[in-house]
Every structure is written in C-alpha cells, then in structure tokens.
Amino acid sequence: FLILAFLALFDGALQLFVLQPTKVEPETQKGTPLL
C-alpha cells in the first residue's frame, strides 16, 4: 500500500500538469435529468 501511495502521488502530479484541475469548465447546455 505504501508503494501504491507513492505511485498515486506521481499520478496526482500528472493531473496537476495536464488536466489543470483548478479550472472550472461547466457544460454550456443543460443535460437531461437523471431520473
């Protein structure tokens, strides 16, 4: 589990670099209700 935690930190760094999760990009149209 400690090895997996280390690999998860690497994945988190990639997400910060590629996906830039600080940006909020909502959909421009309203989706069909879940029900």
PDB file of all heavy atoms in Angstrom:
ATOM      1  N   PHE A   1       0.820  -1.208   0.000  1.00  0.00           N
ATOM      2  CA  PHE A   1       0.000   0.000   0.000  1.00  0.00           C
ATOM      3  C   PHE A   1       0.857   1.261   0.000  1.00  0.00           C
ATOM      4  O   PHE A   1       0.475   2.277  -0.594  1.00  0.00           O
ATOM      5  CB  PHE A   1      -0.953  -0.009   1.203  1.00  0.00           C
ATOM      6  CG  PHE A   1      -1.992  -1.086   1.130  1.00  0.00           C
ATOM      7  CD1 PHE A   1      -1.924  -2.196   1.939  1.00  0.00           C
ATOM      8  CD2 PHE A   1      -3.054  -0.989   0.235  1.00  0.00           C
ATOM      9  CE1 PHE A   1      -2.880  -3.198   1.873  1.00  0.00           C
ATOM     10  CE2 PHE A   1      -4.011  -1.983   0.157  1.00  0.00           C
ATOM     11  CZ  PHE A   1      -3.921  -3.086   0.968  1.00  0.00           C
ATOM     12  N   LEU A   2       2.018   1.228   0.653  1.00  0.00           N
ATOM     13  CA  LEU A   2       2.914   2.382   0.615  1.00  0.00           C
ATOM     14  C   LEU A   2       3.472   2.589  -0.792  1.00  0.00           C
ATOM     15  O   LEU A   2       3.622   3.732  -1.246  1.00  0.00           O
ATOM     16  CB  LEU A   2       4.051   2.186   1.619  1.00  0.00           C
ATOM     17  CG  LEU A   2       3.668   2.245   3.100  1.00  0.00           C
ATOM     18  CD1 LEU A   2       4.892   2.044   3.975  1.00  0.00           C
ATOM     19  CD2 LEU A   2       2.986   3.569   3.434  1.00  0.00           C
ATOM     20  N   ILE A   3       3.761   1.502  -1.496  1.00  0.00           N
ATOM     21  CA  ILE A   3       4.225   1.626  -2.880  1.00  0.00           C
ATOM     22  C   ILE A   3       3.129   2.232  -3.755  1.00  0.00           C
ATOM     23  O   ILE A   3       3.386   3.106  -4.595  1.00  0.00           O
ATOM     24  CB  ILE A   3       4.670   0.249  -3.412  1.00  0.00           C
ATOM     25  CG1 ILE A   3       5.915  -0.240  -2.657  1.00  0.00           C
ATOM     26  CG2 ILE A   3       4.954   0.309  -4.913  1.00  0.00           C
ATOM     27  CD1 ILE A   3       6.339  -1.646  -3.019  1.00  0.00           C
ATOM     28  N   LEU A   4       1.890   1.782  -3.549  1.00  0.00           N
ATOM     29  CA  LEU A   4       0.777   2.345  -4.308  1.00  0.00           C
ATOM     30  C   LEU A   4       0.574   3.826  -3.999  1.00  0.00           C
ATOM     31  O   LEU A   4       0.243   4.614  -4.886  1.00  0.00           O
ATOM     32  CB  LEU A   4      -0.507   1.571  -4.001  1.00  0.00           C
ATOM     33  CG  LEU A   4      -0.604   0.155  -4.571  1.00  0.00           C
ATOM     34  CD1 LEU A   4      -1.902  -0.492  -4.124  1.00  0.00           C
ATOM     35  CD2 LEU A   4      -0.528   0.180  -6.086  1.00  0.00           C
ATOM     36  N   ALA A   5       0.761   4.198  -2.747  1.00  0.00           N
ATOM     37  CA  ALA A   5       0.617   5.607  -2.379  1.00  0.00           C
ATOM     38  C   ALA A   5       1.656   6.466  -3.092  1.00  0.00           C
ATOM     39  O   ALA A   5       1.361   7.581  -3.553  1.00  0.00           O
ATOM     40  CB  ALA A   5       0.739   5.764  -0.864  1.00  0.00           C
ATOM     41  N   PHE A   6       2.890   5.954  -3.221  1.00  0.00           N
ATOM     42  CA  PHE A   6       3.935   6.676  -3.948  1.00  0.00           C
ATOM     43  C   PHE A   6       3.561   6.834  -5.420  1.00  0.00           C
ATOM     44  O   PHE A   6       3.720   7.916  -6.010  1.00  0.00           O
ATOM     45  CB  PHE A   6       5.262   5.937  -3.806  1.00  0.00           C
ATOM     46  CG  PHE A   6       6.382   6.539  -4.613  1.00  0.00           C
ATOM     47  CD1 PHE A   6       7.024   7.687  -4.180  1.00  0.00           C
ATOM     48  CD2 PHE A   6       6.778   5.961  -5.810  1.00  0.00           C
ATOM     49  CE1 PHE A   6       8.056   8.251  -4.932  1.00  0.00           C
ATOM     50  CE2 PHE A   6       7.799   6.510  -6.563  1.00  0.00           C
ATOM     51  CZ  PHE A   6       8.443   7.663  -6.118  1.00  0.00           C
ATOM     52  N   LEU A   7       3.049   5.766  -6.030  1.00  0.00           N
ATOM     53  CA  LEU A   7       2.626   5.852  -7.431  1.00  0.00           C
ATOM     54  C   LEU A   7       1.453   6.813  -7.597  1.00  0.00           C
ATOM     55  O   LEU A   7       1.338   7.509  -8.614  1.00  0.00           O
ATOM     56  CB  LEU A   7       2.240   4.460  -7.942  1.00  0.00           C
ATOM     57  CG  LEU A   7       3.375   3.434  -8.040  1.00  0.00           C
ATOM     58  CD1 LEU A   7       2.825   2.071  -8.467  1.00  0.00           C
ATOM     59  CD2 LEU A   7       4.440   3.907  -9.017  1.00  0.00           C
ATOM     60  N   ALA A   8       0.571   6.859  -6.599  1.00  0.00           N
ATOM     61  CA  ALA A   8      -0.563   7.774  -6.657  1.00  0.00           C
ATOM     62  C   ALA A   8      -0.103   9.229  -6.642  1.00  0.00           C
ATOM     63  O   ALA A   8      -0.692  10.082  -7.313  1.00  0.00           O
ATOM     64  CB  ALA A   8      -1.510   7.509  -5.483  1.00  0.00           C
ATOM     65  N   LEU A   9       0.956   9.524  -5.882  1.00  0.00           N
ATOM     66  CA  LEU A   9       1.495  10.886  -5.886  1.00  0.00           C
ATOM     67  C   LEU A   9       1.995  11.274  -7.277  1.00  0.00           C
ATOM     68  O   LEU A   9       1.812  12.415  -7.722  1.00  0.00           O
ATOM     69  CB  LEU A   9       2.639  10.991  -4.877  1.00  0.00           C
ATOM     70  CG  LEU A   9       2.252  11.071  -3.400  1.00  0.00           C
ATOM     71  CD1 LEU A   9       3.504  11.104  -2.537  1.00  0.00           C
ATOM     72  CD2 LEU A   9       1.382  12.300  -3.138  1.00  0.00           C
ATOM     73  N   PHE A  10       2.616  10.341  -7.973  1.00  0.00           N
ATOM     74  CA  PHE A  10       3.078  10.595  -9.340  1.00  0.00           C
ATOM     75  C   PHE A  10       1.891  10.883 -10.258  1.00  0.00           C
ATOM     76  O   PHE A  10       1.935  11.794 -11.087  1.00  0.00           O
ATOM     77  CB  PHE A  10       3.870   9.389  -9.843  1.00  0.00           C
ATOM     78  CG  PHE A  10       4.361   9.521 -11.251  1.00  0.00           C
ATOM     79  CD1 PHE A  10       5.392  10.395 -11.570  1.00  0.00           C
ATOM     80  CD2 PHE A  10       3.788   8.777 -12.273  1.00  0.00           C
ATOM     81  CE1 PHE A  10       5.847  10.524 -12.867  1.00  0.00           C
ATOM     82  CE2 PHE A  10       4.234   8.896 -13.577  1.00  0.00           C
ATOM     83  CZ  PHE A  10       5.267   9.777 -13.875  1.00  0.00           C
ATOM     84  N   ASP A  11       0.797  10.104 -10.098  1.00  0.00           N
ATOM     85  CA  ASP A  11      -0.407  10.331 -10.891  1.00  0.00           C
ATOM     86  C   ASP A  11      -1.004  11.700 -10.588  1.00  0.00           C
ATOM     87  O   ASP A  11      -1.465  12.407 -11.497  1.00  0.00           O
ATOM     88  CB  ASP A  11      -1.432   9.228 -10.589  1.00  0.00           C
ATOM     89  CG  ASP A  11      -2.760   9.472 -11.283  1.00  0.00           C
ATOM     90  OD1 ASP A  11      -2.795   9.504 -12.528  1.00  0.00           O
ATOM     91  OD2 ASP A  11      -3.778   9.643 -10.589  1.00  0.00           O
ATOM     92  N   GLY A  12      -1.002  12.098  -9.315  1.00  0.00           N
ATOM     93  CA  GLY A  12      -1.527  13.413  -8.950  1.00  0.00           C
ATOM     94  C   GLY A  12      -0.736  14.541  -9.578  1.00  0.00           C
ATOM     95  O   GLY A  12      -1.304  15.550 -10.011  1.00  0.00           O
ATOM     96  N   ALA A  13       0.585  14.372  -9.664  1.00  0.00           N
ATOM     97  CA  ALA A  13       1.410  15.399 -10.296  1.00  0.00           C
ATOM     98  C   ALA A  13       1.082  15.518 -11.787  1.00  0.00           C
ATOM     99  O   ALA A  13       1.021  16.628 -12.338  1.00  0.00           O
ATOM    100  CB  ALA A  13       2.888  15.061 -10.095  1.00  0.00           C
ATOM    101  N   LEU A  14       0.853  14.381 -12.452  1.00  0.00           N
ATOM    102  CA  LEU A  14       0.476  14.415 -13.867  1.00  0.00           C
ATOM    103  C   LEU A  14      -0.865  15.115 -14.060  1.00  0.00           C
ATOM    104  O   LEU A  14      -1.045  15.873 -15.017  1.00  0.00           O
ATOM    105  CB  LEU A  14       0.410  12.987 -14.417  1.00  0.00           C
ATOM    106  CG  LEU A  14       1.735  12.268 -14.653  1.00  0.00           C
ATOM    107  CD1 LEU A  14       1.489  10.855 -15.165  1.00  0.00           C
ATOM    108  CD2 LEU A  14       2.597  13.042 -15.652  1.00  0.00           C
ATOM    109  N   GLN A  15      -1.814  14.862 -13.166  1.00  0.00           N
ATOM    110  CA  GLN A  15      -3.117  15.515 -13.273  1.00  0.00           C
ATOM    111  C   GLN A  15      -2.997  17.020 -13.128  1.00  0.00           C
ATOM    112  O   GLN A  15      -3.645  17.785 -13.856  1.00  0.00           O
ATOM    113  CB  GLN A  15      -4.072  14.955 -12.210  1.00  0.00           C
ATOM    114  CG  GLN A  15      -4.526  13.529 -12.471  1.00  0.00           C
ATOM    115  CD  GLN A  15      -5.638  13.109 -11.534  1.00  0.00           C
ATOM    116  OE1 GLN A  15      -6.453  13.922 -11.109  1.00  0.00           O
ATOM    117  NE2 GLN A  15      -5.670  11.835 -11.198  1.00  0.00           N
ATOM    118  N   LEU A  16      -2.185  17.480 -12.176  1.00  0.00           N
ATOM    119  CA  LEU A  16      -1.996  18.917 -11.999  1.00  0.00           C
ATOM    120  C   LEU A  16      -1.387  19.553 -13.240  1.00  0.00           C
ATOM    121  O   LEU A  16      -1.731  20.683 -13.611  1.00  0.00           O
ATOM    122  CB  LEU A  16      -1.097  19.178 -10.789  1.00  0.00           C
ATOM    123  CG  LEU A  16      -1.730  18.984  -9.401  1.00  0.00           C
ATOM    124  CD1 LEU A  16      -0.668  19.100  -8.319  1.00  0.00           C
ATOM    125  CD2 LEU A  16      -2.834  20.008  -9.177  1.00  0.00           C
ATOM    126  N   PHE A  17      -0.505  18.824 -13.914  1.00  0.00           N
ATOM    127  CA  PHE A  17       0.187  19.373 -15.074  1.00  0.00           C
ATOM    128  C   PHE A  17      -0.680  19.327 -16.331  1.00  0.00           C
ATOM    129  O   PHE A  17      -0.719  20.286 -17.107  1.00  0.00           O
ATOM    130  CB  PHE A  17       1.490  18.605 -15.306  1.00  0.00           C
ATOM    131  CG  PHE A  17       2.284  19.093 -16.488  1.00  0.00           C
ATOM    132  CD1 PHE A  17       2.976  20.305 -16.431  1.00  0.00           C
ATOM    133  CD2 PHE A  17       2.330  18.368 -17.668  1.00  0.00           C
ATOM    134  CE1 PHE A  17       3.698  20.755 -17.521  1.00  0.00           C
ATOM    135  CE2 PHE A  17       3.050  18.810 -18.761  1.00  0.00           C
ATOM    136  CZ  PHE A  17       3.737  20.014 -18.691  1.00  0.00           C
ATOM    137  N   VAL A  18      -1.403  18.213 -16.543  1.00  0.00           N
ATOM    138  CA  VAL A  18      -2.143  18.011 -17.792  1.00  0.00           C
ATOM    139  C   VAL A  18      -3.575  18.531 -17.705  1.00  0.00           C
ATOM    140  O   VAL A  18      -4.025  19.310 -18.556  1.00  0.00           O
ATOM    141  CB  VAL A  18      -2.141  16.512 -18.182  1.00  0.00           C
ATOM    142  CG1 VAL A  18      -2.975  16.284 -19.438  1.00  0.00           C
ATOM    143  CG2 VAL A  18      -0.720  16.015 -18.383  1.00  0.00           C
ATOM    144  N   LEU A  19      -4.308  18.110 -16.683  1.00  0.00           N
ATOM    145  CA  LEU A  19      -5.729  18.458 -16.601  1.00  0.00           C
ATOM    146  C   LEU A  19      -5.982  19.835 -16.021  1.00  0.00           C
ATOM    147  O   LEU A  19      -7.035  20.425 -16.262  1.00  0.00           O
ATOM    148  CB  LEU A  19      -6.476  17.405 -15.754  1.00  0.00           C
ATOM    149  CG  LEU A  19      -6.489  15.980 -16.298  1.00  0.00           C
ATOM    150  CD1 LEU A  19      -7.276  15.074 -15.370  1.00  0.00           C
ATOM    151  CD2 LEU A  19      -7.094  15.950 -17.702  1.00  0.00           C
ATOM    152  N   GLN A  20      -5.026  20.361 -15.245  1.00  0.00           N
ATOM    153  CA  GLN A  20      -5.182  21.660 -14.594  1.00  0.00           C
ATOM    154  C   GLN A  20      -6.535  21.747 -13.863  1.00  0.00           C
ATOM    155  O   GLN A  20      -7.440  22.476 -14.272  1.00  0.00           O
ATOM    156  CB  GLN A  20      -5.059  22.788 -15.622  1.00  0.00           C
ATOM    157  CG  GLN A  20      -3.696  22.827 -16.304  1.00  0.00           C
ATOM    158  CD  GLN A  20      -3.588  23.927 -17.343  1.00  0.00           C
ATOM    159  OE1 GLN A  20      -4.574  24.568 -17.695  1.00  0.00           O
ATOM    160  NE2 GLN A  20      -2.379  24.140 -17.850  1.00  0.00           N
ATOM    161  N   PRO A  21      -6.683  20.982 -12.783  1.00  0.00           N
ATOM    162  CA  PRO A  21      -7.986  20.875 -12.120  1.00  0.00           C
ATOM    163  C   PRO A  21      -8.453  22.145 -11.428  1.00  0.00           C
ATOM    164  O   PRO A  21      -9.576  22.194 -10.912  1.00  0.00           O
ATOM    165  CB  PRO A  21      -7.754  19.761 -11.088  1.00  0.00           C
ATOM    166  CG  PRO A  21      -6.291  19.762 -10.848  1.00  0.00           C
ATOM    167  CD  PRO A  21      -5.665  20.143 -12.137  1.00  0.00           C
ATOM    168  N   THR A  22      -7.629  23.197 -11.398  1.00  0.00           N
ATOM    169  CA  THR A  22      -8.079  24.446 -10.779  1.00  0.00           C
ATOM    170  C   THR A  22      -9.089  25.181 -11.655  1.00  0.00           C
ATOM    171  O   THR A  22      -9.804  26.059 -11.172  1.00  0.00           O
ATOM    172  CB  THR A  22      -6.875  25.357 -10.509  1.00  0.00           C
ATOM    173  OG1 THR A  22      -6.152  25.558 -11.728  1.00  0.00           O
ATOM    174  CG2 THR A  22      -5.950  24.733  -9.474  1.00  0.00           C
ATOM    175  N   LYS A  23      -9.156  24.811 -12.935  1.00  0.00           N
ATOM    176  CA  LYS A  23     -10.104  25.454 -13.840  1.00  0.00           C
ATOM    177  C   LYS A  23     -11.484  24.825 -13.707  1.00  0.00           C
ATOM    178  O   LYS A  23     -11.610  23.609 -13.646  1.00  0.00           O
ATOM    179  CB  LYS A  23      -9.632  25.328 -15.301  1.00  0.00           C
ATOM    180  CG  LYS A  23      -8.339  26.073 -15.600  1.00  0.00           C
ATOM    181  CD  LYS A  23      -7.978  25.930 -17.069  1.00  0.00           C
ATOM    182  CE  LYS A  23      -6.694  26.689 -17.388  1.00  0.00           C
ATOM    183  NZ  LYS A  23      -6.333  26.560 -18.839  1.00  0.00           N
ATOM    184  N   VAL A  24     -12.511  25.653 -13.664  1.00  0.00           N
ATOM    185  CA  VAL A  24     -13.899  25.190 -13.620  1.00  0.00           C
ATOM    186  C   VAL A  24     -14.518  25.446 -14.988  1.00  0.00           C
ATOM    187  O   VAL A  24     -14.627  26.592 -15.421  1.00  0.00           O
ATOM    188  CB  VAL A  24     -14.702  25.900 -12.516  1.00  0.00           C
ATOM    189  CG1 VAL A  24     -16.159  25.466 -12.554  1.00  0.00           C
ATOM    190  CG2 VAL A  24     -14.093  25.612 -11.159  1.00  0.00           C
ATOM    191  N   GLU A  25     -14.907  24.381 -15.684  1.00  0.00           N
ATOM    192  CA  GLU A  25     -15.450  24.491 -17.041  1.00  0.00           C
ATOM    193  C   GLU A  25     -16.798  23.786 -17.108  1.00  0.00           C
ATOM    194  O   GLU A  25     -16.887  22.615 -17.492  1.00  0.00           O
ATOM    195  CB  GLU A  25     -14.479  23.881 -18.060  1.00  0.00           C
ATOM    196  CG  GLU A  25     -13.122  24.561 -18.095  1.00  0.00           C
ATOM    197  CD  GLU A  25     -12.170  23.917 -19.085  1.00  0.00           C
ATOM    198  OE1 GLU A  25     -12.562  22.876 -19.660  1.00  0.00           O
ATOM    199  OE2 GLU A  25     -11.071  24.441 -19.294  1.00  0.00           O
ATOM    200  N   PRO A  26     -17.876  24.480 -16.744  1.00  0.00           N
ATOM    201  CA  PRO A  26     -19.200  23.839 -16.782  1.00  0.00           C
ATOM    202  C   PRO A  26     -19.683  23.638 -18.204  1.00  0.00           C
ATOM    203  O   PRO A  26     -19.221  24.294 -19.146  1.00  0.00           O
ATOM    204  CB  PRO A  26     -20.081  24.844 -16.033  1.00  0.00           C
ATOM    205  CG  PRO A  26     -19.400  26.161 -16.223  1.00  0.00           C
ATOM    206  CD  PRO A  26     -17.925  25.860 -16.253  1.00  0.00           C
ATOM    207  N   GLU A  27     -20.634  22.696 -18.365  1.00  0.00           N
ATOM    208  CA  GLU A  27     -21.253  22.481 -19.673  1.00  0.00           C
ATOM    209  C   GLU A  27     -22.091  23.704 -20.054  1.00  0.00           C
ATOM    210  O   GLU A  27     -22.689  24.359 -19.195  1.00  0.00           O
ATOM    211  CB  GLU A  27     -22.148  21.236 -19.627  1.00  0.00           C
ATOM    212  CG  GLU A  27     -21.380  19.938 -19.436  1.00  0.00           C
ATOM    213  CD  GLU A  27     -20.754  19.446 -20.722  1.00  0.00           C
ATOM    214  OE1 GLU A  27     -20.919  20.131 -21.743  1.00  0.00           O
ATOM    215  OE2 GLU A  27     -20.097  18.394 -20.698  1.00  0.00           O
ATOM    216  N   THR A  28     -22.124  24.010 -21.359  1.00  0.00           N
ATOM    217  CA  THR A  28     -22.852  25.183 -21.828  1.00  0.00           C
ATOM    218  C   THR A  28     -24.335  24.911 -22.030  1.00  0.00           C
ATOM    219  O   THR A  28     -25.098  25.828 -22.305  1.00  0.00           O
ATOM    220  CB  THR A  28     -22.253  25.674 -23.157  1.00  0.00           C
ATOM    221  OG1 THR A  28     -22.282  24.593 -24.106  1.00  0.00           O
ATOM    222  CG2 THR A  28     -20.815  26.127 -22.943  1.00  0.00           C
ATOM    223  N   GLN A  29     -24.752  23.659 -21.910  1.00  0.00           N
ATOM    224  CA  GLN A  29     -26.163  23.325 -22.058  1.00  0.00           C
ATOM    225  C   GLN A  29     -26.595  22.418 -20.917  1.00  0.00           C
ATOM    226  O   GLN A  29     -25.786  21.713 -20.322  1.00  0.00           O
ATOM    227  CB  GLN A  29     -26.418  22.632 -23.397  1.00  0.00           C
ATOM    228  CG  GLN A  29     -25.548  21.421 -23.649  1.00  0.00           C
ATOM    229  CD  GLN A  29     -25.727  20.861 -25.038  1.00  0.00           C
ATOM    230  OE1 GLN A  29     -26.669  21.211 -25.745  1.00  0.00           O
ATOM    231  NE2 GLN A  29     -24.835  19.977 -25.447  1.00  0.00           N
ATOM    232  N   LYS A  30     -27.863  22.472 -20.605  1.00  0.00           N
ATOM    233  CA  LYS A  30     -28.398  21.694 -19.502  1.00  0.00           C
ATOM    234  C   LYS A  30     -28.649  20.260 -19.953  1.00  0.00           C
ATOM    235  O   LYS A  30     -29.299  19.998 -20.954  1.00  0.00           O
ATOM    236  CB  LYS A  30     -29.697  22.324 -18.999  1.00  0.00           C
ATOM    237  CG  LYS A  30     -30.268  21.637 -17.764  1.00  0.00           C
ATOM    238  CD  LYS A  30     -31.520  22.342 -17.269  1.00  0.00           C
ATOM    239  CE  LYS A  30     -32.083  21.647 -16.030  1.00  0.00           C
ATOM    240  NZ  LYS A  30     -33.324  22.315 -15.556  1.00  0.00           N
ATOM    241  N   GLY A  31     -28.120  19.319 -19.190  1.00  0.00           N
ATOM    242  CA  GLY A  31     -28.274  17.923 -19.539  1.00  0.00           C
ATOM    243  C   GLY A  31     -29.637  17.371 -19.170  1.00  0.00           C
ATOM    244  O   GLY A  31     -30.414  17.987 -18.421  1.00  0.00           O
ATOM    245  N   THR A  32     -29.948  16.189 -19.701  1.00  0.00           N
ATOM    246  CA  THR A  32     -31.201  15.505 -19.378  1.00  0.00           C
ATOM    247  C   THR A  32     -31.198  15.107 -17.906  1.00  0.00           C
ATOM    248  O   THR A  32     -30.187  14.625 -17.399  1.00  0.00           O
ATOM    249  CB  THR A  32     -31.354  14.242 -20.255  1.00  0.00           C
ATOM    250  OG1 THR A  32     -31.243  14.608 -21.629  1.00  0.00           O
ATOM    251  CG2 THR A  32     -32.700  13.579 -20.007  1.00  0.00           C
ATOM    252  N   PRO A  33     -32.313  15.333 -17.186  1.00  0.00           N
ATOM    253  CA  PRO A  33     -32.360  14.959 -15.767  1.00  0.00           C
ATOM    254  C   PRO A  33     -32.038  13.493 -15.548  1.00  0.00           C
ATOM    255  O   PRO A  33     -32.333  12.627 -16.383  1.00  0.00           O
ATOM    256  CB  PRO A  33     -33.807  15.287 -15.361  1.00  0.00           C
ATOM    257  CG  PRO A  33     -34.246  16.325 -16.338  1.00  0.00           C
ATOM    258  CD  PRO A  33     -33.542  15.999 -17.626  1.00  0.00           C
ATOM    259  N   LEU A  34     -31.440  13.210 -14.406  1.00  0.00           N
ATOM    260  CA  LEU A  34     -31.009  11.852 -14.082  1.00  0.00           C
ATOM    261  C   LEU A  34     -32.174  10.878 -14.064  1.00  0.00           C
ATOM    262  O   LEU A  34     -32.078   9.750 -14.572  1.00  0.00           O
ATOM    263  CB  LEU A  34     -30.292  11.850 -12.726  1.00  0.00           C
ATOM    264  CG  LEU A  34     -29.663  10.537 -12.278  1.00  0.00           C
ATOM    265  CD1 LEU A  34     -28.520  10.148 -13.211  1.00  0.00           C
ATOM    266  CD2 LEU A  34     -29.156  10.638 -10.845  1.00  0.00           C
ATOM    267  N   LEU A  35     -33.310  11.292 -13.498  1.00  0.00           N
ATOM    268  CA  LEU A  35     -34.471  10.400 -13.411  1.00  0.00           C
ATOM    269  C   LEU A  35     -35.016  10.066 -14.793  1.00  0.00           C
ATOM    270  O   LEU A  35     -35.478   8.942 -15.023  1.00  0.00           O
ATOM    271  CB  LEU A  35     -35.564  11.039 -12.547  1.00  0.00           C
ATOM    272  CG  LEU A  35     -35.260  11.141 -11.045  1.00  0.00           C
ATOM    273  CD1 LEU A  35     -36.403  11.847 -10.319  1.00  0.00           C
ATOM    274  CD2 LEU A  35     -35.041   9.754 -10.447  1.00  0.00           C
TER     275      LEU A  35
END
